[in-house]
Amino acid sequence: DRAWTNARLATMCGDGADRLGLIDNGVI
C-alpha cells in the first residue's frame, strides 16, 4: 500500500564489513 523510492538505505541487517547493510539506490 506504500512505497518509498529513490532512497539510500541503512538496513542494519548486514554482516562482516558492512553491518549497516548499506544500499545506495533502494526501495522500501
PDB file of all heavy atoms in Angstrom:
ATOM      1  N   ASP A   1       0.803  -1.217   0.000  1.00  0.00           N
ATOM      2  CA  ASP A   1       0.000   0.000   0.000  1.00  0.00           C
ATOM      3  C   ASP A   1       0.841   1.275   0.000  1.00  0.00           C
ATOM      4  O   ASP A   1       0.351   2.345  -0.353  1.00  0.00           O
ATOM      5  CB  ASP A   1      -1.002   0.016   1.172  1.00  0.00           C
ATOM      6  CG  ASP A   1      -0.384  -0.349   2.502  1.00  0.00           C
ATOM      7  OD1 ASP A   1       0.827  -0.109   2.680  1.00  0.00           O
ATOM      8  OD2 ASP A   1      -1.107  -0.876   3.372  1.00  0.00           O
ATOM      9  N   ARG A   2       2.121   1.168   0.391  1.00  0.00           N
ATOM     10  CA  ARG A   2       3.016   2.329   0.365  1.00  0.00           C
ATOM     11  C   ARG A   2       4.410   1.892  -0.053  1.00  0.00           C
ATOM     12  O   ARG A   2       4.847   0.789   0.268  1.00  0.00           O
ATOM     13  CB  ARG A   2       3.072   3.019   1.730  1.00  0.00           C
ATOM     14  CG  ARG A   2       1.806   3.799   2.061  1.00  0.00           C
ATOM     15  CD  ARG A   2       1.862   4.393   3.455  1.00  0.00           C
ATOM     16  NE  ARG A   2       0.677   5.186   3.713  1.00  0.00           N
ATOM     17  CZ  ARG A   2      -0.492   4.673   4.071  1.00  0.00           C
ATOM     18  NH1 ARG A   2      -0.615   3.375   4.235  1.00  0.00           N
ATOM     19  NH2 ARG A   2      -1.534   5.466   4.267  1.00  0.00           N
ATOM     20  N   ALA A   3       5.089   2.810  -0.741  1.00  0.00           N
ATOM     21  CA  ALA A   3       6.470   2.535  -1.149  1.00  0.00           C
ATOM     22  C   ALA A   3       7.286   3.814  -1.049  1.00  0.00           C
ATOM     23  O   ALA A   3       6.781   4.916  -1.294  1.00  0.00           O
ATOM     24  CB  ALA A   3       6.516   1.983  -2.567  1.00  0.00           C
ATOM     25  N   TRP A   4       8.543   3.651  -0.654  1.00  0.00           N
ATOM     26  CA  TRP A   4       9.489   4.761  -0.575  1.00  0.00           C
ATOM     27  C   TRP A   4      10.604   4.469  -1.562  1.00  0.00           C
ATOM     28  O   TRP A   4      11.310   3.457  -1.431  1.00  0.00           O
ATOM     29  CB  TRP A   4      10.029   4.895   0.848  1.00  0.00           C
ATOM     30  CG  TRP A   4       8.979   5.354   1.821  1.00  0.00           C
ATOM     31  CD1 TRP A   4       8.735   6.627   2.244  1.00  0.00           C
ATOM     32  CD2 TRP A   4       8.007   4.534   2.483  1.00  0.00           C
ATOM     33  NE1 TRP A   4       7.680   6.662   3.117  1.00  0.00           N
ATOM     34  CE2 TRP A   4       7.204   5.389   3.284  1.00  0.00           C
ATOM     35  CE3 TRP A   4       7.724   3.160   2.479  1.00  0.00           C
ATOM     36  CZ2 TRP A   4       6.163   4.915   4.071  1.00  0.00           C
ATOM     37  CZ3 TRP A   4       6.678   2.686   3.244  1.00  0.00           C
ATOM     38  CH2 TRP A   4       5.903   3.555   4.035  1.00  0.00           C
ATOM     39  N   THR A   5      10.732   5.324  -2.559  1.00  0.00           N
ATOM     40  CA  THR A   5      11.674   5.089  -3.648  1.00  0.00           C
ATOM     41  C   THR A   5      12.756   6.163  -3.658  1.00  0.00           C
ATOM     42  O   THR A   5      12.691   7.149  -2.925  1.00  0.00           O
ATOM     43  CB  THR A   5      10.941   5.095  -4.996  1.00  0.00           C
ATOM     44  OG1 THR A   5      10.372   6.403  -5.214  1.00  0.00           O
ATOM     45  CG2 THR A   5       9.819   4.059  -5.021  1.00  0.00           C
ATOM     46  N   ASN A   6      13.753   5.941  -4.548  1.00  0.00           N
ATOM     47  CA  ASN A   6      14.841   6.905  -4.697  1.00  0.00           C
ATOM     48  C   ASN A   6      15.469   7.218  -3.334  1.00  0.00           C
ATOM     49  O   ASN A   6      15.686   8.375  -2.960  1.00  0.00           O
ATOM     50  CB  ASN A   6      14.341   8.192  -5.369  1.00  0.00           C
ATOM     51  CG  ASN A   6      15.479   9.107  -5.807  1.00  0.00           C
ATOM     52  OD1 ASN A   6      16.639   8.679  -5.902  1.00  0.00           O
ATOM     53  ND2 ASN A   6      15.151  10.375  -6.042  1.00  0.00           N
ATOM     54  N   ALA A   7      15.747   6.168  -2.596  1.00  0.00           N
ATOM     55  CA  ALA A   7      16.286   6.305  -1.244  1.00  0.00           C
ATOM     56  C   ALA A   7      17.589   5.540  -1.116  1.00  0.00           C
ATOM     57  O   ALA A   7      17.851   4.582  -1.852  1.00  0.00           O
ATOM     58  CB  ALA A   7      15.280   5.780  -0.222  1.00  0.00           C
ATOM     59  N   ARG A   8      18.400   5.962  -0.176  1.00  0.00           N
ATOM     60  CA  ARG A   8      19.574   5.201   0.229  1.00  0.00           C
ATOM     61  C   ARG A   8      19.256   4.576   1.585  1.00  0.00           C
ATOM     62  O   ARG A   8      18.737   5.252   2.479  1.00  0.00           O
ATOM     63  CB  ARG A   8      20.809   6.116   0.307  1.00  0.00           C
ATOM     64  CG  ARG A   8      21.264   6.576  -1.075  1.00  0.00           C
ATOM     65  CD  ARG A   8      22.453   7.520  -0.997  1.00  0.00           C
ATOM     66  NE  ARG A   8      22.040   8.860  -0.607  1.00  0.00           N
ATOM     67  CZ  ARG A   8      22.890   9.886  -0.452  1.00  0.00           C
ATOM     68  NH1 ARG A   8      24.192   9.701  -0.634  1.00  0.00           N
ATOM     69  NH2 ARG A   8      22.450  11.074  -0.110  1.00  0.00           N
ATOM     70  N   LEU A   9      19.537   3.304   1.718  1.00  0.00           N
ATOM     71  CA  LEU A   9      19.101   2.552   2.898  1.00  0.00           C
ATOM     72  C   LEU A   9      20.275   2.144   3.768  1.00  0.00           C
ATOM     73  O   LEU A   9      21.317   1.715   3.271  1.00  0.00           O
ATOM     74  CB  LEU A   9      18.351   1.284   2.477  1.00  0.00           C
ATOM     75  CG  LEU A   9      17.214   1.420   1.463  1.00  0.00           C
ATOM     76  CD1 LEU A   9      16.563   0.053   1.238  1.00  0.00           C
ATOM     77  CD2 LEU A   9      16.185   2.447   1.896  1.00  0.00           C
ATOM     78  N   ALA A  10      20.078   2.279   5.063  1.00  0.00           N
ATOM     79  CA  ALA A  10      20.949   1.653   6.054  1.00  0.00           C
ATOM     80  C   ALA A  10      20.074   0.634   6.768  1.00  0.00           C
ATOM     81  O   ALA A  10      19.371   0.954   7.731  1.00  0.00           O
ATOM     82  CB  ALA A  10      21.517   2.680   7.030  1.00  0.00           C
ATOM     83  N   THR A  11      20.066  -0.592   6.268  1.00  0.00           N
ATOM     84  CA  THR A  11      19.100  -1.590   6.725  1.00  0.00           C
ATOM     85  C   THR A  11      19.416  -2.130   8.113  1.00  0.00           C
ATOM     86  O   THR A  11      18.552  -2.668   8.787  1.00  0.00           O
ATOM     87  CB  THR A  11      19.044  -2.777   5.752  1.00  0.00           C
ATOM     88  OG1 THR A  11      20.304  -3.459   5.764  1.00  0.00           O
ATOM     89  CG2 THR A  11      18.712  -2.308   4.332  1.00  0.00           C
ATOM     90  N   MET A  12      20.660  -2.021   8.541  1.00  0.00           N
ATOM     91  CA  MET A  12      21.148  -2.525   9.836  1.00  0.00           C
ATOM     92  C   MET A  12      21.126  -4.049   9.920  1.00  0.00           C
ATOM     93  O   MET A  12      21.272  -4.607  11.009  1.00  0.00           O
ATOM     94  CB  MET A  12      20.365  -1.924  11.015  1.00  0.00           C
ATOM     95  CG  MET A  12      20.319  -0.419  11.032  1.00  0.00           C
ATOM     96  SD  MET A  12      21.962   0.329  11.182  1.00  0.00           S
ATOM     97  CE  MET A  12      21.588   2.040  10.789  1.00  0.00           C
ATOM     98  N   CYS A  13      20.962  -4.713   8.784  1.00  0.00           N
ATOM     99  CA  CYS A  13      20.932  -6.178   8.832  1.00  0.00           C
ATOM    100  C   CYS A  13      22.052  -6.788   7.991  1.00  0.00           C
ATOM    101  O   CYS A  13      21.941  -7.919   7.516  1.00  0.00           O
ATOM    102  CB  CYS A  13      19.570  -6.717   8.405  1.00  0.00           C
ATOM    103  SG  CYS A  13      18.945  -6.149   6.832  1.00  0.00           S
ATOM    104  N   GLY A  14      23.142  -6.036   7.824  1.00  0.00           N
ATOM    105  CA  GLY A  14      24.288  -6.583   7.131  1.00  0.00           C
ATOM    106  C   GLY A  14      25.164  -7.384   8.076  1.00  0.00           C
ATOM    107  O   GLY A  14      24.855  -7.578   9.258  1.00  0.00           O
ATOM    108  N   ASP A  15      26.277  -7.854   7.572  1.00  0.00           N
ATOM    109  CA  ASP A  15      27.236  -8.573   8.409  1.00  0.00           C
ATOM    110  C   ASP A  15      28.636  -8.321   7.859  1.00  0.00           C
ATOM    111  O   ASP A  15      28.824  -7.617   6.870  1.00  0.00           O
ATOM    112  CB  ASP A  15      26.933 -10.072   8.475  1.00  0.00           C
ATOM    113  CG  ASP A  15      26.801 -10.708   7.095  1.00  0.00           C
ATOM    114  OD1 ASP A  15      27.387 -10.166   6.127  1.00  0.00           O
ATOM    115  OD2 ASP A  15      26.124 -11.743   6.986  1.00  0.00           O
ATOM    116  N   GLY A  16      29.627  -8.881   8.530  1.00  0.00           N
ATOM    117  CA  GLY A  16      31.001  -8.722   8.074  1.00  0.00           C
ATOM    118  C   GLY A  16      31.436  -7.273   8.075  1.00  0.00           C
ATOM    119  O   GLY A  16      31.266  -6.551   9.066  1.00  0.00           O
ATOM    120  N   ALA A  17      31.973  -6.812   6.950  1.00  0.00           N
ATOM    121  CA  ALA A  17      32.497  -5.449   6.858  1.00  0.00           C
ATOM    122  C   ALA A  17      31.408  -4.408   6.685  1.00  0.00           C
ATOM    123  O   ALA A  17      31.669  -3.209   6.768  1.00  0.00           O
ATOM    124  CB  ALA A  17      33.486  -5.357   5.691  1.00  0.00           C
ATOM    125  N   ASP A  18      30.180  -4.829   6.429  1.00  0.00           N
ATOM    126  CA  ASP A  18      29.077  -3.885   6.210  1.00  0.00           C
ATOM    127  C   ASP A  18      27.885  -4.266   7.077  1.00  0.00           C
ATOM    128  O   ASP A  18      26.848  -4.694   6.595  1.00  0.00           O
ATOM    129  CB  ASP A  18      28.679  -3.853   4.732  1.00  0.00           C
ATOM    130  CG  ASP A  18      27.502  -2.910   4.470  1.00  0.00           C
ATOM    131  OD1 ASP A  18      27.320  -1.963   5.263  1.00  0.00           O
ATOM    132  OD2 ASP A  18      26.763  -3.145   3.494  1.00  0.00           O
ATOM    133  N   ARG A  19      28.041  -4.119   8.382  1.00  0.00           N
ATOM    134  CA  ARG A  19      26.941  -4.471   9.280  1.00  0.00           C
ATOM    135  C   ARG A  19      25.776  -3.484   9.196  1.00  0.00           C
ATOM    136  O   ARG A  19      24.675  -3.795   9.636  1.00  0.00           O
ATOM    137  CB  ARG A  19      27.438  -4.569  10.719  1.00  0.00           C
ATOM    138  CG  ARG A  19      28.361  -5.768  10.954  1.00  0.00           C
ATOM    139  CD  ARG A  19      28.455  -6.100  12.421  1.00  0.00           C
ATOM    140  NE  ARG A  19      29.080  -5.022  13.184  1.00  0.00           N
ATOM    141  CZ  ARG A  19      29.010  -4.906  14.510  1.00  0.00           C
ATOM    142  NH1 ARG A  19      28.323  -5.783  15.216  1.00  0.00           N
ATOM    143  NH2 ARG A  19      29.630  -3.919  15.128  1.00  0.00           N
ATOM    144  N   LEU A  20      26.023  -2.299   8.628  1.00  0.00           N
ATOM    145  CA  LEU A  20      24.934  -1.339   8.461  1.00  0.00           C
ATOM    146  C   LEU A  20      24.029  -1.711   7.286  1.00  0.00           C
ATOM    147  O   LEU A  20      22.946  -1.152   7.148  1.00  0.00           O
ATOM    148  CB  LEU A  20      25.485   0.073   8.264  1.00  0.00           C
ATOM    149  CG  LEU A  20      26.286   0.663   9.428  1.00  0.00           C
ATOM    150  CD1 LEU A  20      26.658   2.109   9.133  1.00  0.00           C
ATOM    151  CD2 LEU A  20      25.514   0.571  10.739  1.00  0.00           C
ATOM    152  N   GLY A  21      24.468  -2.629   6.445  1.00  0.00           N
ATOM    153  CA  GLY A  21      23.636  -3.075   5.330  1.00  0.00           C
ATOM    154  C   GLY A  21      23.260  -1.948   4.388  1.00  0.00           C
ATOM    155  O   GLY A  21      22.084  -1.741   4.087  1.00  0.00           O
ATOM    156  N   LEU A  22      24.257  -1.217   3.887  1.00  0.00           N
ATOM    157  CA  LEU A  22      24.023  -0.031   3.067  1.00  0.00           C
ATOM    158  C   LEU A  22      23.602  -0.395   1.644  1.00  0.00           C
ATOM    159  O   LEU A  22      24.174  -1.284   1.020  1.00  0.00           O
ATOM    160  CB  LEU A  22      25.281   0.832   3.035  1.00  0.00           C
ATOM    161  CG  LEU A  22      25.839   1.271   4.396  1.00  0.00           C
ATOM    162  CD1 LEU A  22      27.088   2.123   4.202  1.00  0.00           C
ATOM    163  CD2 LEU A  22      24.785   2.014   5.207  1.00  0.00           C
ATOM    164  N   ILE A  23      22.594   0.302   1.154  1.00  0.00           N
ATOM    165  CA  ILE A  23      22.108   0.129  -0.216  1.00  0.00           C
ATOM    166  C   ILE A  23      21.995   1.509  -0.839  1.00  0.00           C
ATOM    167  O   ILE A  23      21.265   2.368  -0.321  1.00  0.00           O
ATOM    168  CB  ILE A  23      20.745  -0.597  -0.248  1.00  0.00           C
ATOM    169  CG1 ILE A  23      20.888  -2.009   0.336  1.00  0.00           C
ATOM    170  CG2 ILE A  23      20.193  -0.643  -1.668  1.00  0.00           C
ATOM    171  CD1 ILE A  23      19.566  -2.731   0.500  1.00  0.00           C
ATOM    172  N   ASP A  24      22.701   1.748  -1.921  1.00  0.00           N
ATOM    173  CA  ASP A  24      22.800   3.099  -2.478  1.00  0.00           C
ATOM    174  C   ASP A  24      21.510   3.554  -3.160  1.00  0.00           C
ATOM    175  O   ASP A  24      21.093   4.700  -3.025  1.00  0.00           O
ATOM    176  CB  ASP A  24      23.960   3.172  -3.474  1.00  0.00           C
ATOM    177  CG  ASP A  24      24.222   4.600  -3.916  1.00  0.00           C
ATOM    178  OD1 ASP A  24      24.453   5.457  -3.039  1.00  0.00           O
ATOM    179  OD2 ASP A  24      24.196   4.870  -5.125  1.00  0.00           O
ATOM    180  N   ASN A  25      20.877   2.693  -3.907  1.00  0.00           N
ATOM    181  CA  ASN A  25      19.627   3.043  -4.590  1.00  0.00           C
ATOM    182  C   ASN A  25      18.579   2.021  -4.178  1.00  0.00           C
ATOM    183  O   ASN A  25      18.468   0.954  -4.775  1.00  0.00           O
ATOM    184  CB  ASN A  25      19.820   3.047  -6.109  1.00  0.00           C
ATOM    185  CG  ASN A  25      18.553   3.434  -6.860  1.00  0.00           C
ATOM    186  OD1 ASN A  25      17.618   3.985  -6.276  1.00  0.00           O
ATOM    187  ND2 ASN A  25      18.525   3.151  -8.154  1.00  0.00           N
ATOM    188  N   GLY A  26      17.836   2.353  -3.132  1.00  0.00           N
ATOM    189  CA  GLY A  26      16.957   1.368  -2.531  1.00  0.00           C
ATOM    190  C   GLY A  26      15.486   1.745  -2.552  1.00  0.00           C
ATOM    191  O   GLY A  26      15.108   2.887  -2.829  1.00  0.00           O
ATOM    192  N   VAL A  27      14.689   0.743  -2.231  1.00  0.00           N
ATOM    193  CA  VAL A  27      13.235   0.881  -2.161  1.00  0.00           C
ATOM    194  C   VAL A  27      12.731   0.149  -0.930  1.00  0.00           C
ATOM    195  O   VAL A  27      13.243  -0.935  -0.595  1.00  0.00           O
ATOM    196  CB  VAL A  27      12.563   0.290  -3.421  1.00  0.00           C
ATOM    197  CG1 VAL A  27      11.041   0.253  -3.261  1.00  0.00           C
ATOM    198  CG2 VAL A  27      12.937   1.084  -4.657  1.00  0.00           C
ATOM    199  N   ILE A  28      11.764   0.732  -0.266  1.00  0.00           N
ATOM    200  CA  ILE A  28      11.049   0.052   0.814  1.00  0.00           C
ATOM    201  C   ILE A  28       9.572   0.064   0.473  1.00  0.00           C
ATOM    202  O   ILE A  28       9.034   1.088   0.037  1.00  0.00           O
ATOM    203  CB  ILE A  28      11.280   0.750   2.173  1.00  0.00           C
ATOM    204  CG1 ILE A  28      12.746   0.667   2.576  1.00  0.00           C
ATOM    205  CG2 ILE A  28      10.398   0.119   3.260  1.00  0.00           C
ATOM    206  CD1 ILE A  28      13.069   1.430   3.843  1.00  0.00           C
TER     207      ILE A  28
END
